[in-house]
């Protein structure tokens, strides 16, 4: 019977490290978290989209994790796409890639950055995947003699996926964020599944509902009616939220919060305000001050114990607050939308903090860059990121930016397509191949320094067919990249179809661009750098995906350090 009971992480630490303070250990054992079954927290949203369900979910996860519980978070998206890999970044922000090669919603990046965990395909489910799974089962004959319906077949598949991580890995808490807004037609099967699960699981399930409290300037009042309507919408499908998180730009009075509690059938202490913060990383502390984690534990019948100090997290925020000097970074890409490069922005912000600087990031649209205006755009930048992406649009502007940075010794970091652009610019302006290009941009280029990967040549489908997920890379010890990583063997995440053409490798190296990172299985060039320049590195992989608050990525740390000393 005892195998289903688990020591909290804090107890495990004492035993593992053999640093036994017996009084502390005894106190921990007396307050041991006996979690016989996985607890499920559902996070829904109402009134408006983009209120920050992902940040609230991540904050809840962080607070529970700090109390010694094992936590994971998953995102259920109501759109019919199998994954967000083929969606327009303007509509959905960046496509995040998990270690197992799944193209996922950008909220999974928040989960990983806040909790320091690695997510997988199981952490992001779309309606498309739910329906595909049910249809595949129907075609196999799993439902012979039955009419396939939304209820129970679709809802059963949703419930199976909700409980999958808990059943497989025995997490203490599984937090499930439901994308979209309550009231959307697309969300109804998910809400029905939550209703059923809350009924089946009893105290082991809880619903946190995030809504918006607008401020009417003309009346000088905050209005709770949208929240009331949103809760009634939830109640109409059989779900009573246990906790309300009210998104607001203004302080909510205790009277207003009590009014919401009364009209929405929740406890007074279960109405939490979420105000705009200078940074998303302050949200967990704001939630902790209002005892959101305490309320959750009490409602689920678990011991509360002492409040965690969140020491390393507070240290990070203190360094961020105390940083007065700025480091100016130019972000050269074709999407003038911050969510399109979300992970890069967060990785830069984290790295700047650990270098005791504030990241002052300037987006520079590559479509507008020419030889005539490039100095105007880049002369004040301490460092430049050449952004990832796909397609021809804005590509020539990236070449212009790279040439300027290379000839003016500006610290430069090219990521994925950015690395490929670094190689193409070098081939054109150093090797003398004026028509050098990628097969992606020009199928007939005579100097295809970037070519389609062999394994990609026979693929016709677009979705989920690239080189995706974590792959090994061996780094040359005599390189700036090695100085950053302090390791010869690394694993990083990929999302691409095209690669460096190894037939040009010798020419590149003789001319001064070194291929310092190689995949040991495929011989794929993963990293290029020009060692004679201060910091000029391109990576075929996406290092930004693995940068977290408490463990910033070494390449971004090194890049910012170089930019500071420019």
Protein backbone atom coordinates (compact mmCIF):
# COMPACT_ATOMS: atom_id res chain seq x y z
CA UNK A 1 0.00 0.00 0.00
CA UNK A 2 2.82 2.41 0.79
CA UNK A 3 4.16 2.76 -2.75
CA UNK A 4 1.42 5.26 -3.56
CA UNK A 5 2.49 7.62 -0.78
CA UNK A 6 5.34 9.95 -1.54
CA UNK A 7 7.82 11.97 0.50
CA UNK A 8 7.83 15.66 -0.28
CA UNK A 9 10.83 16.95 -2.19
CA UNK A 10 12.14 18.66 0.93
CA UNK A 11 12.42 15.30 2.79
CA UNK A 12 14.02 13.68 -0.20
CA UNK A 13 16.63 16.44 -0.25
CA UNK A 14 17.73 15.76 3.34
CA UNK A 15 18.03 12.06 2.70
CA UNK A 16 19.79 12.43 -0.65
CA UNK A 17 22.31 15.03 0.49
CA UNK A 18 22.85 13.33 3.86
CA UNK A 19 22.66 16.75 5.50
CA UNK A 20 20.40 15.61 8.31
CA UNK A 21 19.08 18.22 10.69
CA UNK A 22 16.98 15.78 12.71
CA UNK A 23 14.65 18.38 14.18
CA UNK A 24 13.86 19.78 10.74
CA UNK A 25 13.49 16.29 9.30
CA UNK A 26 11.10 15.30 12.09
CA UNK A 27 8.99 18.38 11.47
CA UNK A 28 8.86 17.56 7.79
CA UNK A 29 7.80 13.99 8.46
CA UNK A 30 5.09 15.14 10.88
CA UNK A 31 3.78 17.46 8.19
CA UNK A 32 4.37 14.97 5.38
CA UNK A 33 2.35 15.49 2.21
CA UNK A 34 0.41 12.26 1.91
CA UNK A 35 -0.98 12.51 -1.59
CA UNK A 36 -2.69 9.24 -2.27
CA UNK A 37 -4.21 10.39 -5.55
CA UNK A 38 -3.33 12.99 -8.13
CA UNK A 39 -5.13 16.30 -7.66
CA UNK A 40 -6.47 18.15 -10.72
CA UNK A 41 -6.75 21.93 -11.05
CA UNK A 42 -8.62 23.36 -14.04
CA UNK A 43 -7.94 26.93 -15.14
CA UNK A 44 -10.62 28.53 -17.31
CA UNK A 45 -11.01 32.06 -18.64
CA UNK A 46 -13.91 34.41 -19.24
CA UNK A 47 -14.89 37.87 -20.52
CA UNK A 48 -11.87 38.25 -22.82
CA UNK A 49 -8.95 36.28 -24.20
CA UNK A 50 -5.26 36.97 -23.46
CA UNK A 51 -5.88 37.64 -19.77
CA UNK A 52 -2.95 35.47 -18.76
CA UNK A 53 -4.32 32.01 -17.96
CA UNK A 54 -0.88 30.59 -18.77
CA UNK A 55 0.85 32.89 -16.28
CA UNK A 56 -1.73 32.13 -13.55
CA UNK A 57 -1.40 28.38 -14.22
CA UNK A 58 2.40 28.67 -14.08
CA UNK A 59 2.22 30.71 -10.88
CA UNK A 60 -0.03 28.15 -9.17
CA UNK A 61 2.34 25.42 -10.29
CA UNK A 62 5.36 27.32 -8.96
CA UNK A 63 3.78 27.88 -5.53
CA UNK A 64 2.74 24.23 -5.15
CA UNK A 65 6.13 23.05 -6.38
CA UNK A 66 7.82 25.28 -3.78
CA UNK A 67 5.83 23.40 -1.12
CA UNK A 68 7.40 20.12 -2.18
CA UNK A 69 4.69 18.80 -4.48
CA UNK A 70 5.40 17.31 -7.89
CA UNK A 71 3.53 19.38 -10.46
CA UNK A 72 2.96 19.45 -14.20
CA UNK A 73 0.81 21.71 -16.38
CA UNK A 74 -0.99 20.98 -19.62
CA UNK A 75 -2.79 23.14 -22.16
CA UNK A 76 -5.97 22.11 -23.99
CA UNK A 77 -6.63 24.23 -27.07
CA UNK A 78 -10.08 24.20 -28.68
CA UNK A 79 -8.96 24.73 -32.29
CA UNK A 80 -9.09 21.88 -34.83
CA UNK A 81 -5.45 22.11 -35.97
CA UNK A 82 -3.51 19.03 -34.88
CA UNK A 83 -0.86 21.37 -33.45
CA UNK A 84 0.04 25.07 -33.77
CA UNK A 85 2.93 24.36 -36.16
CA UNK A 86 1.08 25.61 -39.24
CA UNK A 87 -0.60 28.60 -37.57
CA UNK A 88 0.29 32.21 -38.36
CA UNK A 89 2.42 33.72 -35.54
CA UNK A 90 0.37 36.92 -35.82
CA UNK A 91 -2.65 34.87 -34.73
CA UNK A 92 -1.12 32.56 -32.19
CA UNK A 93 2.34 33.78 -31.29
CA UNK A 94 5.41 31.57 -31.50
CA UNK A 95 5.32 27.83 -31.92
CA UNK A 96 7.08 26.25 -28.93
CA UNK A 97 8.91 22.93 -29.35
CA UNK A 98 9.10 20.27 -26.64
CA UNK A 99 12.05 17.94 -26.10
CA UNK A 100 10.17 15.02 -27.69
CA UNK A 101 9.57 16.99 -30.88
CA UNK A 102 6.04 18.29 -30.46
CA UNK A 103 5.05 21.68 -31.85
CA UNK A 104 3.15 23.26 -28.98
CA UNK A 105 1.38 26.37 -27.73
CA UNK A 106 3.61 29.15 -26.41
CA UNK A 107 2.12 28.74 -22.91
CA UNK A 108 4.20 25.57 -22.55
CA UNK A 109 7.22 27.87 -22.63
CA UNK A 110 5.84 29.68 -19.57
CA UNK A 111 5.29 26.34 -17.81
CA UNK A 112 8.90 25.32 -18.40
CA UNK A 113 10.41 28.72 -17.54
CA UNK A 114 8.47 28.99 -14.26
CA UNK A 115 8.72 25.39 -13.05
CA UNK A 116 12.04 24.32 -14.57
CA UNK A 117 10.37 21.18 -15.96
CA UNK A 118 10.37 19.65 -19.44
CA UNK A 119 7.03 19.26 -21.15
CA UNK A 120 6.12 16.72 -23.83
CA UNK A 121 3.48 16.00 -26.43
CA UNK A 122 1.13 14.96 -23.63
CA UNK A 123 1.18 18.51 -22.19
CA UNK A 124 -0.57 20.11 -25.18
CA UNK A 125 -3.78 18.70 -26.64
CA UNK A 126 -5.93 20.24 -29.37
CA UNK A 127 -9.47 19.47 -30.46
CA UNK A 128 -7.94 18.23 -33.70
CA UNK A 129 -5.94 15.57 -31.83
CA UNK A 130 -8.98 14.58 -29.75
CA UNK A 131 -11.19 14.10 -32.81
CA UNK A 132 -8.43 12.35 -34.77
CA UNK A 133 -7.92 9.86 -31.94
CA UNK A 134 -11.67 9.10 -31.74
CA UNK A 135 -11.99 8.80 -35.54
CA UNK A 136 -8.95 6.49 -35.72
CA UNK A 137 -10.53 4.27 -33.05
CA UNK A 138 -13.81 4.23 -34.97
CA UNK A 139 -12.02 3.20 -38.18
CA UNK A 140 -10.20 0.42 -36.33
CA UNK A 141 -13.54 -0.93 -35.14
CA UNK A 142 -13.14 -0.05 -31.46
CA UNK A 143 -16.71 1.25 -31.38
CA UNK A 144 -18.44 -1.41 -33.48
CA UNK A 145 -22.19 -1.19 -33.12
CA UNK A 146 -22.08 2.26 -31.47
CA UNK A 147 -23.02 5.69 -32.71
CA UNK A 148 -20.05 8.02 -32.12
CA UNK A 149 -21.13 11.21 -30.33
CA UNK A 150 -19.68 14.25 -28.55
CA UNK A 151 -20.96 12.74 -25.32
CA UNK A 152 -19.61 10.29 -24.26
CA UNK A 153 -16.92 9.56 -26.86
CA UNK A 154 -15.30 12.97 -27.34
CA UNK A 155 -15.66 13.88 -23.65
CA UNK A 156 -14.27 10.49 -22.60
CA UNK A 157 -11.21 11.06 -24.82
CA UNK A 158 -10.71 14.52 -23.29
CA UNK A 159 -10.96 13.06 -19.78
CA UNK A 160 -8.50 10.30 -20.67
CA UNK A 161 -5.98 12.90 -21.82
CA UNK A 162 -6.58 15.08 -18.76
CA UNK A 163 -5.69 12.16 -16.46
CA UNK A 164 -2.94 10.70 -18.66
CA UNK A 165 0.01 12.48 -17.02
CA UNK A 166 -1.34 11.88 -13.52
CA UNK A 167 -1.89 8.17 -14.19
CA UNK A 168 1.44 7.64 -15.94
CA UNK A 169 3.84 9.72 -13.82
CA UNK A 170 1.88 9.97 -10.54
CA UNK A 171 2.18 13.74 -10.19
CA UNK A 172 0.75 15.25 -7.02
CA UNK A 173 -0.91 17.99 -9.07
CA UNK A 174 -1.87 18.21 -12.72
CA UNK A 175 -2.91 21.74 -13.73
CA UNK A 176 -5.00 21.89 -16.91
CA UNK A 177 -5.40 25.20 -18.70
CA UNK A 178 -8.37 25.39 -21.07
CA UNK A 179 -7.67 27.70 -24.02
CA UNK A 180 -10.21 30.19 -25.33
CA UNK A 181 -13.03 31.83 -23.40
CA UNK A 182 -16.04 30.39 -21.60
CA UNK A 183 -19.03 30.79 -23.90
CA UNK A 184 -17.15 29.83 -27.07
CA UNK A 185 -18.84 26.98 -28.94
CA UNK A 186 -15.46 25.29 -29.39
CA UNK A 187 -14.90 25.05 -25.63
CA UNK A 188 -18.17 23.29 -24.75
CA UNK A 189 -16.85 19.68 -24.91
CA UNK A 190 -13.97 20.65 -22.60
CA UNK A 191 -16.29 22.29 -20.10
CA UNK A 192 -18.56 19.25 -20.10
CA UNK A 193 -15.52 17.07 -19.45
CA UNK A 194 -14.50 19.30 -16.52
CA UNK A 195 -18.04 19.08 -15.12
CA UNK A 196 -17.89 15.29 -15.24
CA UNK A 197 -14.39 15.14 -13.74
CA UNK A 198 -15.30 17.48 -10.88
CA UNK A 199 -18.25 15.22 -10.10
CA UNK A 200 -16.18 12.02 -10.36
CA UNK A 201 -13.09 13.27 -8.48
CA UNK A 202 -14.78 15.24 -5.70
CA UNK A 203 -12.18 17.05 -3.57
CA UNK A 204 -9.44 15.94 -5.93
CA UNK A 205 -10.61 18.44 -8.57
CA UNK A 206 -10.88 22.21 -8.41
CA UNK A 207 -11.70 24.98 -10.89
CA UNK A 208 -9.91 28.36 -10.98
CA UNK A 209 -11.71 30.87 -13.19
CA UNK A 210 -9.87 33.91 -14.53
CA UNK A 211 -12.01 36.89 -15.53
CA UNK A 212 -11.64 40.59 -16.29
CA UNK A 213 -12.86 43.55 -14.24
CA UNK A 214 -12.93 46.58 -16.57
CA UNK A 215 -12.60 50.19 -15.48
CA UNK A 216 -15.01 52.68 -17.04
CA UNK A 217 -13.17 55.99 -17.07
CA UNK A 218 -16.32 58.02 -17.80
CA UNK A 219 -18.03 56.65 -14.71
CA UNK A 220 -14.84 56.35 -12.67
CA UNK A 221 -15.87 52.83 -11.63
CA UNK A 222 -14.71 49.25 -11.79
CA UNK A 223 -17.44 46.97 -13.15
CA UNK A 224 -18.04 43.43 -11.90
CA UNK A 225 -20.96 42.59 -14.16
CA UNK A 226 -18.80 40.95 -16.89
CA UNK A 227 -17.36 38.65 -14.21
CA UNK A 228 -20.82 37.80 -12.91
CA UNK A 229 -22.01 36.93 -16.42
CA UNK A 230 -18.91 34.83 -17.07
CA UNK A 231 -19.45 32.83 -13.87
CA UNK A 232 -23.14 32.34 -14.75
CA UNK A 233 -21.99 31.02 -18.13
CA UNK A 234 -19.86 28.46 -16.30
CA UNK A 235 -22.68 27.62 -13.93
CA UNK A 236 -25.05 27.11 -16.87
CA UNK A 237 -22.91 24.15 -18.01
CA UNK A 238 -22.79 22.72 -14.50
CA UNK A 239 -19.46 24.08 -13.23
CA UNK A 240 -19.19 26.12 -10.06
CA UNK A 241 -15.76 27.78 -9.91
CA UNK A 242 -13.97 27.30 -6.59
CA UNK A 243 -11.62 30.26 -6.95
CA UNK A 244 -11.90 33.48 -8.97
CA UNK A 245 -8.86 35.39 -10.18
CA UNK A 246 -9.84 38.91 -11.27
CA UNK A 247 -7.59 40.50 -13.87
CA UNK A 248 -7.53 44.26 -13.40
CA UNK A 249 -5.48 47.41 -14.01
CA UNK A 250 -6.73 49.00 -10.77
CA UNK A 251 -6.69 47.95 -7.12
CA UNK A 252 -9.88 46.12 -6.15
CA UNK A 253 -11.40 47.16 -2.84
CA UNK A 254 -12.33 44.53 -0.27
CA UNK A 255 -15.97 45.57 -0.67
CA UNK A 256 -15.86 44.90 -4.39
CA UNK A 257 -14.21 41.51 -3.87
CA UNK A 258 -16.85 40.55 -1.29
CA UNK A 259 -19.55 41.59 -3.74
CA UNK A 260 -18.07 39.29 -6.39
CA UNK A 261 -17.81 36.47 -3.84
CA UNK A 262 -21.47 36.89 -2.83
CA UNK A 263 -22.86 37.08 -6.37
CA UNK A 264 -20.68 34.26 -7.71
CA UNK A 265 -21.05 31.75 -4.82
CA UNK A 266 -17.38 31.62 -3.80
CA UNK A 267 -15.68 32.18 -0.45
CA UNK A 268 -14.38 35.69 0.32
CA UNK A 269 -10.79 34.42 0.53
CA UNK A 270 -11.21 32.72 -2.86
CA UNK A 271 -11.44 36.01 -4.78
CA UNK A 272 -7.94 36.94 -5.87
CA UNK A 273 -6.89 40.03 -7.80
CA UNK A 274 -4.27 39.92 -10.54
CA UNK A 275 -3.00 43.39 -11.34
CA UNK A 276 -0.55 44.42 -14.04
CA UNK A 277 2.99 43.72 -12.88
CA UNK A 278 6.32 45.12 -14.08
CA UNK A 279 7.20 41.56 -15.06
CA UNK A 280 5.33 38.25 -15.30
CA UNK A 281 7.80 36.74 -12.84
CA UNK A 282 6.29 38.81 -10.01
CA UNK A 283 2.89 37.17 -10.42
CA UNK A 284 3.72 34.09 -8.24
CA UNK A 285 4.70 36.38 -5.37
CA UNK A 286 1.51 38.41 -5.81
CA UNK A 287 -0.53 35.18 -5.72
CA UNK A 288 1.38 33.97 -2.66
CA UNK A 289 0.69 37.26 -0.80
CA UNK A 290 -3.02 36.67 -1.34
CA UNK A 291 -2.64 33.02 -0.19
CA UNK A 292 -3.88 31.48 -3.43
CA UNK A 293 -1.83 28.32 -2.75
CA UNK A 294 -3.17 28.13 0.81
CA UNK A 295 -6.76 28.38 -0.45
CA UNK A 296 -6.13 25.60 -2.98
CA UNK A 297 -4.61 23.28 -0.36
CA UNK A 298 -7.40 23.92 2.13
CA UNK A 299 -10.09 23.27 -0.47
CA UNK A 300 -8.41 20.02 -1.45
CA UNK A 301 -8.02 18.84 2.13
CA UNK A 302 -4.22 19.01 2.25
CA UNK A 303 -2.00 20.33 5.04
CA UNK A 304 -0.85 23.91 4.55
CA UNK A 305 2.41 24.03 6.49
CA UNK A 306 4.90 26.86 6.40
CA UNK A 307 4.94 29.42 3.59
CA UNK A 308 7.90 28.81 1.24
CA UNK A 309 10.38 31.66 1.01
CA UNK A 310 11.00 31.28 -2.75
CA UNK A 311 14.54 32.48 -2.06
CA UNK A 312 16.19 31.94 -5.50
CA UNK A 313 13.10 33.37 -7.24
CA UNK A 314 13.20 36.50 -5.06
CA UNK A 315 16.96 36.80 -5.65
CA UNK A 316 16.30 36.83 -9.40
CA UNK A 317 13.66 39.55 -9.03
CA UNK A 318 15.90 41.58 -6.72
CA UNK A 319 18.71 41.50 -9.28
CA UNK A 320 16.20 42.55 -11.92
CA UNK A 321 14.93 45.46 -9.80
CA UNK A 322 18.44 46.59 -8.82
CA UNK A 323 19.77 46.61 -12.38
CA UNK A 324 19.97 50.22 -13.53
CA UNK A 325 22.10 50.05 -16.66
CA UNK A 326 20.62 48.83 -19.95
CA UNK A 327 21.94 46.54 -22.65
CA UNK A 328 20.46 47.43 -26.05
CA UNK A 329 19.65 44.45 -28.24
CA UNK A 330 18.37 44.69 -31.81
CA UNK A 331 15.91 41.95 -32.80
CA UNK A 332 16.03 41.59 -36.60
CA UNK A 333 13.00 39.69 -37.91
CA UNK A 334 9.90 39.98 -40.05
CA UNK A 335 7.20 39.72 -37.35
CA UNK A 336 6.52 42.97 -35.51
CA UNK A 337 4.69 41.08 -32.77
CA UNK A 338 6.41 40.31 -29.48
CA UNK A 339 4.67 36.95 -29.00
CA UNK A 340 6.19 35.71 -32.28
CA UNK A 341 9.60 35.71 -30.54
CA UNK A 342 8.36 35.15 -26.97
CA UNK A 343 10.99 32.62 -25.87
CA UNK A 344 13.84 34.74 -27.28
CA UNK A 345 12.58 37.83 -25.45
CA UNK A 346 12.34 35.93 -22.17
CA UNK A 347 15.77 34.30 -22.62
CA UNK A 348 17.30 37.76 -23.28
CA UNK A 349 15.53 39.22 -20.25
CA UNK A 350 16.76 36.39 -17.99
CA UNK A 351 20.33 36.61 -19.28
CA UNK A 352 20.39 40.39 -18.88
CA UNK A 353 19.20 40.05 -15.27
CA UNK A 354 21.99 37.62 -14.41
CA UNK A 355 24.43 40.09 -15.98
CA UNK A 356 22.91 42.85 -13.79
CA UNK A 357 21.43 44.70 -16.73
CA UNK A 358 17.99 45.52 -18.04
CA UNK A 359 17.29 44.19 -21.52
CA UNK A 360 16.35 47.12 -23.77
CA UNK A 361 15.06 45.28 -26.82
CA UNK A 362 14.42 47.06 -30.13
CA UNK A 363 12.49 45.27 -32.85
CA UNK A 364 13.92 45.98 -36.30
CA UNK A 365 11.75 44.86 -39.22
CA UNK A 366 14.08 43.17 -41.72
CA UNK A 367 11.76 44.03 -44.62
CA UNK A 368 12.72 47.70 -44.20
CA UNK A 369 16.50 47.26 -44.01
CA UNK A 370 18.77 48.44 -46.83
CA UNK A 371 22.43 49.31 -47.23
CA UNK A 372 21.46 52.97 -47.00
CA UNK A 373 19.60 52.83 -43.67
CA UNK A 374 21.27 49.94 -41.83
CA UNK A 375 23.67 52.13 -39.83
CA UNK A 376 20.80 54.28 -38.63
CA UNK A 377 19.02 51.17 -37.29
CA UNK A 378 22.00 49.34 -35.74
CA UNK A 379 24.60 51.94 -34.74
CA UNK A 380 23.30 52.20 -31.16
CA UNK A 381 22.82 48.46 -30.59
CA UNK A 382 25.11 46.62 -28.17
CA UNK A 383 24.19 43.29 -29.74
CA UNK A 384 21.97 41.90 -32.50
CA UNK A 385 19.78 38.79 -32.74
CA UNK A 386 19.04 37.46 -36.23
CA UNK A 387 15.65 35.85 -35.66
CA UNK A 388 14.37 32.45 -36.78
CA UNK A 389 11.52 32.04 -39.24
CA UNK A 390 10.55 30.66 -42.63
CA UNK A 391 10.20 31.96 -46.16
CA UNK A 392 11.56 34.66 -48.42
CA UNK A 393 9.92 37.72 -46.84
CA UNK A 394 12.45 39.99 -45.10
CA UNK A 395 15.40 37.70 -45.90
CA UNK A 396 17.50 40.25 -47.83
CA UNK A 397 17.23 42.69 -44.94
CA UNK A 398 18.72 40.04 -42.65
CA UNK A 399 21.72 39.72 -44.99
CA UNK A 400 22.22 43.49 -44.83
CA UNK A 401 22.09 43.42 -41.00
CA UNK A 402 24.54 40.48 -40.79
CA UNK A 403 27.03 42.16 -43.11
CA UNK A 404 26.93 45.33 -41.00
CA UNK A 405 27.41 43.38 -37.75
CA UNK A 406 30.24 41.26 -39.19
CA UNK A 407 32.16 44.23 -40.60
CA UNK A 408 31.58 46.41 -37.51
CA UNK A 409 32.30 43.62 -34.97
CA UNK A 410 28.90 43.86 -33.31
CA UNK A 411 28.07 40.83 -31.06
CA UNK A 412 25.67 38.79 -33.19
CA UNK A 413 23.52 35.73 -32.47
CA UNK A 414 21.78 33.93 -35.35
CA UNK A 415 19.13 31.36 -34.46
CA UNK A 416 17.87 28.67 -36.89
CA UNK A 417 17.11 30.63 -40.08
CA UNK A 418 19.29 33.34 -38.52
CA UNK A 419 22.23 30.92 -38.52
CA UNK A 420 21.48 29.95 -42.13
CA UNK A 421 21.43 33.63 -43.10
CA UNK A 422 24.83 34.08 -41.41
CA UNK A 423 26.21 31.28 -43.62
CA UNK A 424 24.64 32.69 -46.81
CA UNK A 425 25.92 36.24 -46.15
CA UNK A 426 29.43 34.86 -45.54
CA UNK A 427 29.31 32.86 -48.77
CA UNK A 428 28.21 35.94 -50.74
CA UNK A 429 30.51 38.57 -49.30
CA UNK A 430 33.57 36.62 -48.13
CA UNK A 431 33.72 33.54 -50.36
CA UNK A 432 32.62 35.58 -53.35
CA UNK A 433 29.54 33.53 -54.34
CA UNK A 434 27.23 36.45 -55.06
CA UNK A 435 24.35 34.12 -55.94
CA UNK A 436 24.69 31.92 -52.83
CA UNK A 437 21.36 31.10 -51.22
CA UNK A 438 19.21 28.48 -49.53
CA UNK A 439 17.18 25.98 -51.52
CA UNK A 440 14.22 27.25 -49.49
CA UNK A 441 14.53 30.70 -51.09
CA UNK A 442 15.88 29.71 -54.51
CA UNK A 443 15.55 26.12 -55.67
CA UNK A 444 17.87 26.73 -58.65
CA UNK A 445 20.71 28.51 -56.84
CA UNK A 446 24.08 27.21 -58.08
CA UNK A 447 25.63 27.74 -54.64
CA UNK A 448 23.21 26.10 -52.23
CA UNK A 449 25.19 26.64 -49.02
CA UNK A 450 21.93 25.82 -47.24
CA UNK A 451 20.17 22.74 -48.62
CA UNK A 452 17.12 20.68 -47.77
CA UNK A 453 17.83 17.83 -45.38
CA UNK A 454 18.00 14.42 -47.03
CA UNK A 455 15.29 13.01 -44.77
CA UNK A 456 12.97 15.90 -45.75
CA UNK A 457 13.13 15.42 -49.53
CA UNK A 458 10.30 12.90 -49.77
CA UNK A 459 7.95 14.68 -47.36
CA UNK A 460 4.86 16.42 -48.77
CA UNK A 461 2.81 17.13 -45.63
CA UNK A 462 3.61 20.40 -43.85
CA UNK A 463 2.50 19.76 -40.27
CA UNK A 464 4.81 18.07 -37.78
CA UNK A 465 7.22 16.83 -40.46
CA UNK A 466 10.36 18.90 -39.79
CA UNK A 467 13.40 17.92 -37.78
CA UNK A 468 11.82 18.48 -34.37
CA UNK A 469 12.86 18.08 -30.75
CA UNK A 470 16.13 17.56 -28.88
CA UNK A 471 19.24 16.26 -30.69
CA UNK A 472 22.82 15.81 -29.57
CA UNK A 473 25.63 18.15 -30.50
CA UNK A 474 29.39 17.83 -29.96
CA UNK A 475 31.19 21.15 -29.45
CA UNK A 476 34.78 21.97 -30.42
CA UNK A 477 36.62 22.75 -27.13
CA UNK A 478 38.57 25.54 -28.88
CA UNK A 479 35.55 27.77 -29.42
CA UNK A 480 33.62 30.60 -27.82
CA UNK A 481 30.60 28.29 -27.80
CA UNK A 482 32.48 25.83 -25.57
CA UNK A 483 33.48 28.71 -23.27
CA UNK A 484 29.77 29.41 -22.84
CA UNK A 485 28.56 25.85 -22.32
CA UNK A 486 31.65 24.47 -20.52
CA UNK A 487 30.70 21.13 -22.01
CA UNK A 488 31.52 19.21 -25.20
CA UNK A 489 28.24 17.28 -25.27
CA UNK A 490 24.90 19.11 -25.28
CA UNK A 491 21.31 18.52 -26.34
CA UNK A 492 19.19 21.25 -27.92
CA UNK A 493 15.81 21.51 -29.64
CA UNK A 494 15.33 21.85 -33.38
CA UNK A 495 12.64 23.03 -35.77
CA UNK A 496 13.83 23.13 -39.38
CA UNK A 497 13.87 21.45 -42.81
CA UNK A 498 17.06 22.91 -44.24
CA UNK A 499 20.67 22.52 -43.14
CA UNK A 500 24.20 23.70 -43.77
CA UNK A 501 25.62 22.07 -46.92
CA UNK A 502 28.72 20.18 -45.74
CA UNK A 503 30.32 20.29 -49.22
CA UNK A 504 31.12 23.95 -48.46
CA UNK A 505 32.43 23.26 -44.96
CA UNK A 506 36.14 23.26 -45.87
CA UNK A 507 35.86 26.54 -47.80
CA UNK A 508 34.05 28.23 -44.92
CA UNK A 509 36.63 27.14 -42.38
CA UNK A 510 39.59 28.25 -44.52
CA UNK A 511 37.97 31.69 -44.90
CA UNK A 512 37.48 32.08 -41.14
CA UNK A 513 34.00 30.77 -40.28
CA UNK A 514 34.37 27.67 -38.11
CA UNK A 515 31.84 24.86 -37.79
CA UNK A 516 32.21 24.28 -34.06
CA UNK A 517 29.12 22.19 -33.28
CA UNK A 518 28.32 18.93 -35.06
CA UNK A 519 25.58 16.34 -34.62
CA UNK A 520 27.47 13.04 -34.10
CA UNK A 521 24.90 10.88 -35.93
CA UNK A 522 24.02 12.94 -39.01
CA UNK A 523 27.16 15.12 -39.25
CA UNK A 524 24.79 18.11 -39.38
CA UNK A 525 26.51 21.42 -38.70
CA UNK A 526 24.77 22.75 -35.60
CA UNK A 527 26.90 25.78 -34.71
CA UNK A 528 29.04 28.21 -36.70
CA UNK A 529 31.15 31.06 -35.34
CA UNK A 530 33.80 33.54 -36.44
CA UNK A 531 36.42 33.29 -33.67
CA UNK A 532 38.28 36.46 -34.71
CA UNK A 533 35.22 38.59 -33.91
CA UNK A 534 34.12 39.50 -30.42
CA UNK A 535 30.99 37.26 -30.48
CA UNK A 536 29.57 36.04 -33.77
CA UNK A 537 27.70 32.74 -33.42
CA UNK A 538 24.89 31.02 -35.28
CA UNK A 539 22.99 27.95 -34.04
CA UNK A 540 20.79 25.69 -36.12
CA UNK A 541 18.90 24.80 -32.97
CA UNK A 542 16.71 26.97 -30.73
CA UNK A 543 18.52 27.57 -27.41
CA UNK A 544 15.80 29.96 -26.24
CA UNK A 545 13.42 27.03 -25.59
CA UNK A 546 15.53 25.69 -22.72
CA UNK A 547 16.22 28.95 -20.89
CA UNK A 548 14.43 29.20 -17.52
CA UNK A 549 14.19 31.74 -14.71
CA UNK A 550 16.51 29.86 -12.36
CA UNK A 551 18.69 28.36 -15.10
CA UNK A 552 19.27 30.89 -17.89
CA UNK A 553 20.77 29.54 -21.11
CA UNK A 554 24.60 29.74 -21.25
CA UNK A 555 24.68 31.05 -24.83
CA UNK A 556 22.36 33.94 -24.00
CA UNK A 557 24.40 34.70 -20.86
CA UNK A 558 27.58 34.75 -22.95
CA UNK A 559 25.98 36.86 -25.70
CA UNK A 560 24.73 39.50 -23.25
CA UNK A 561 28.12 39.57 -21.51
CA UNK A 562 29.80 40.25 -24.85
CA UNK A 563 27.22 42.92 -25.70
CA UNK A 564 27.88 44.68 -22.39
CA UNK A 565 31.63 44.80 -22.99
CA UNK A 566 31.23 46.05 -26.57
